[in-house]
């Protein structure tokens, strides 16, 4: 599999880096550091925040996850 720089037009990362627009390289870079790239986050605040941890991601997505669980009738 090749990793091509063909997603610059949809990359929402506010930082200029060597992986900008190259999703597979970006994901690898962040996962090896124990974090997630900005495309996993929805809010501008979370995207601009340098804390890309699972904890921050779950806090941001909690309402969305709870809604899915409710639709599937799963209790937390």
C-alpha atoms as a PDB file:
ATOM      1  CA  UNK A   1       0.000   0.000   0.000  1.00  0.00           C
ATOM      2  CA  UNK A   2       1.300   3.418  -0.877  1.00  0.00           C
ATOM      3  CA  UNK A   3       0.766   6.473   1.250  1.00  0.00           C
ATOM      4  CA  UNK A   4       0.022   9.386  -1.026  1.00  0.00           C
ATOM      5  CA  UNK A   5      -0.400  13.041  -0.175  1.00  0.00           C
ATOM      6  CA  UNK A   6      -3.819  13.370  -1.795  1.00  0.00           C
ATOM      7  CA  UNK A   7      -6.089  14.593   1.006  1.00  0.00           C
ATOM      8  CA  UNK A   8      -4.797  18.138   1.494  1.00  0.00           C
ATOM      9  CA  UNK A   9      -8.195  19.558   0.483  1.00  0.00           C
ATOM     10  CA  UNK A  10      -9.962  17.784   3.384  1.00  0.00           C
ATOM     11  CA  UNK A  11      -7.213  17.817   6.028  1.00  0.00           C
ATOM     12  CA  UNK A  12      -8.423  19.923   8.958  1.00  0.00           C
ATOM     13  CA  UNK A  13      -5.147  19.976  10.857  1.00  0.00           C
ATOM     14  CA  UNK A  14      -4.257  23.590  11.691  1.00  0.00           C
ATOM     15  CA  UNK A  15      -0.536  22.828  11.897  1.00  0.00           C
ATOM     16  CA  UNK A  16       1.873  22.729   8.985  1.00  0.00           C
ATOM     17  CA  UNK A  17       3.784  19.448   9.102  1.00  0.00           C
ATOM     18  CA  UNK A  18       5.313  16.871   6.786  1.00  0.00           C
ATOM     19  CA  UNK A  19       2.238  14.620   7.121  1.00  0.00           C
ATOM     20  CA  UNK A  20      -0.351  17.273   6.217  1.00  0.00           C
ATOM     21  CA  UNK A  21      -2.865  15.647   3.863  1.00  0.00           C
ATOM     22  CA  UNK A  22      -1.169  12.252   4.012  1.00  0.00           C
ATOM     23  CA  UNK A  23      -3.671  10.388   6.177  1.00  0.00           C
ATOM     24  CA  UNK A  24      -1.845   7.080   6.652  1.00  0.00           C
ATOM     25  CA  UNK A  25       1.415   8.800   7.644  1.00  0.00           C
ATOM     26  CA  UNK A  26      -0.434  11.212   9.935  1.00  0.00           C
ATOM     27  CA  UNK A  27      -2.377   8.428  11.639  1.00  0.00           C
ATOM     28  CA  UNK A  28       0.803   6.389  12.129  1.00  0.00           C
ATOM     29  CA  UNK A  29       2.594   9.425  13.576  1.00  0.00           C
ATOM     30  CA  UNK A  30      -0.148  10.120  16.124  1.00  0.00           C
ATOM     31  CA  UNK A  31      -0.900   6.507  17.081  1.00  0.00           C
ATOM     32  CA  UNK A  32       2.760   5.849  17.853  1.00  0.00           C
ATOM     33  CA  UNK A  33       2.586   8.821  20.239  1.00  0.00           C
ATOM     34  CA  UNK A  34      -0.607   7.492  21.890  1.00  0.00           C
ATOM     35  CA  UNK A  35      -2.881  10.154  20.442  1.00  0.00           C
ATOM     36  CA  UNK A  36      -5.317  10.840  17.611  1.00  0.00           C
ATOM     37  CA  UNK A  37      -5.028  13.215  14.627  1.00  0.00           C
ATOM     38  CA  UNK A  38      -7.245  16.297  14.451  1.00  0.00           C
ATOM     39  CA  UNK A  39      -9.603  14.683  11.916  1.00  0.00           C
ATOM     40  CA  UNK A  40     -10.991  12.501  14.743  1.00  0.00           C
ATOM     41  CA  UNK A  41     -12.196  15.622  16.577  1.00  0.00           C
ATOM     42  CA  UNK A  42     -15.186  17.779  15.689  1.00  0.00           C
ATOM     43  CA  UNK A  43     -14.911  21.062  17.589  1.00  0.00           C
ATOM     44  CA  UNK A  44     -12.484  23.817  16.629  1.00  0.00           C
ATOM     45  CA  UNK A  45     -11.339  23.990  20.256  1.00  0.00           C
ATOM     46  CA  UNK A  46     -10.380  20.323  20.251  1.00  0.00           C
ATOM     47  CA  UNK A  47      -8.690  20.617  16.867  1.00  0.00           C
ATOM     48  CA  UNK A  48      -6.557  23.559  17.993  1.00  0.00           C
ATOM     49  CA  UNK A  49      -5.809  21.908  21.327  1.00  0.00           C
ATOM     50  CA  UNK A  50      -2.533  20.024  21.358  1.00  0.00           C
ATOM     51  CA  UNK A  51      -4.020  17.391  23.716  1.00  0.00           C
ATOM     52  CA  UNK A  52      -5.106  14.664  21.307  1.00  0.00           C
ATOM     53  CA  UNK A  53      -5.595  11.968  23.945  1.00  0.00           C
ATOM     54  CA  UNK A  54      -8.328   9.342  24.069  1.00  0.00           C
ATOM     55  CA  UNK A  55      -9.723  11.057  27.173  1.00  0.00           C
ATOM     56  CA  UNK A  56     -10.257  14.338  25.309  1.00  0.00           C
ATOM     57  CA  UNK A  57     -11.756  12.501  22.322  1.00  0.00           C
ATOM     58  CA  UNK A  58     -14.216  10.604  24.528  1.00  0.00           C
ATOM     59  CA  UNK A  59     -15.252  13.769  26.379  1.00  0.00           C
ATOM     60  CA  UNK A  60     -15.955  15.493  23.082  1.00  0.00           C
ATOM     61  CA  UNK A  61     -17.880  12.554  21.646  1.00  0.00           C
ATOM     62  CA  UNK A  62     -19.717  11.494  24.835  1.00  0.00           C
ATOM     63  CA  UNK A  63     -23.094  12.921  23.790  1.00  0.00           C
ATOM     64  CA  UNK A  64     -22.829  11.265  20.385  1.00  0.00           C
ATOM     65  CA  UNK A  65     -21.949   7.890  21.912  1.00  0.00           C
ATOM     66  CA  UNK A  66     -24.759   8.136  24.479  1.00  0.00           C
ATOM     67  CA  UNK A  67     -27.255   8.847  21.698  1.00  0.00           C
ATOM     68  CA  UNK A  68     -26.112   5.758  19.783  1.00  0.00           C
ATOM     69  CA  UNK A  69     -26.368   3.611  22.918  1.00  0.00           C
ATOM     70  CA  UNK A  70     -29.850   4.972  23.602  1.00  0.00           C
ATOM     71  CA  UNK A  71     -31.001   4.093  20.078  1.00  0.00           C
ATOM     72  CA  UNK A  72     -29.688   0.569  20.525  1.00  0.00           C
ATOM     73  CA  UNK A  73     -31.278   0.400  24.002  1.00  0.00           C
ATOM     74  CA  UNK A  74     -27.944  -0.227  25.731  1.00  0.00           C
ATOM     75  CA  UNK A  75     -27.597   0.978  29.292  1.00  0.00           C
ATOM     76  CA  UNK A  76     -24.287   2.458  30.485  1.00  0.00           C
END
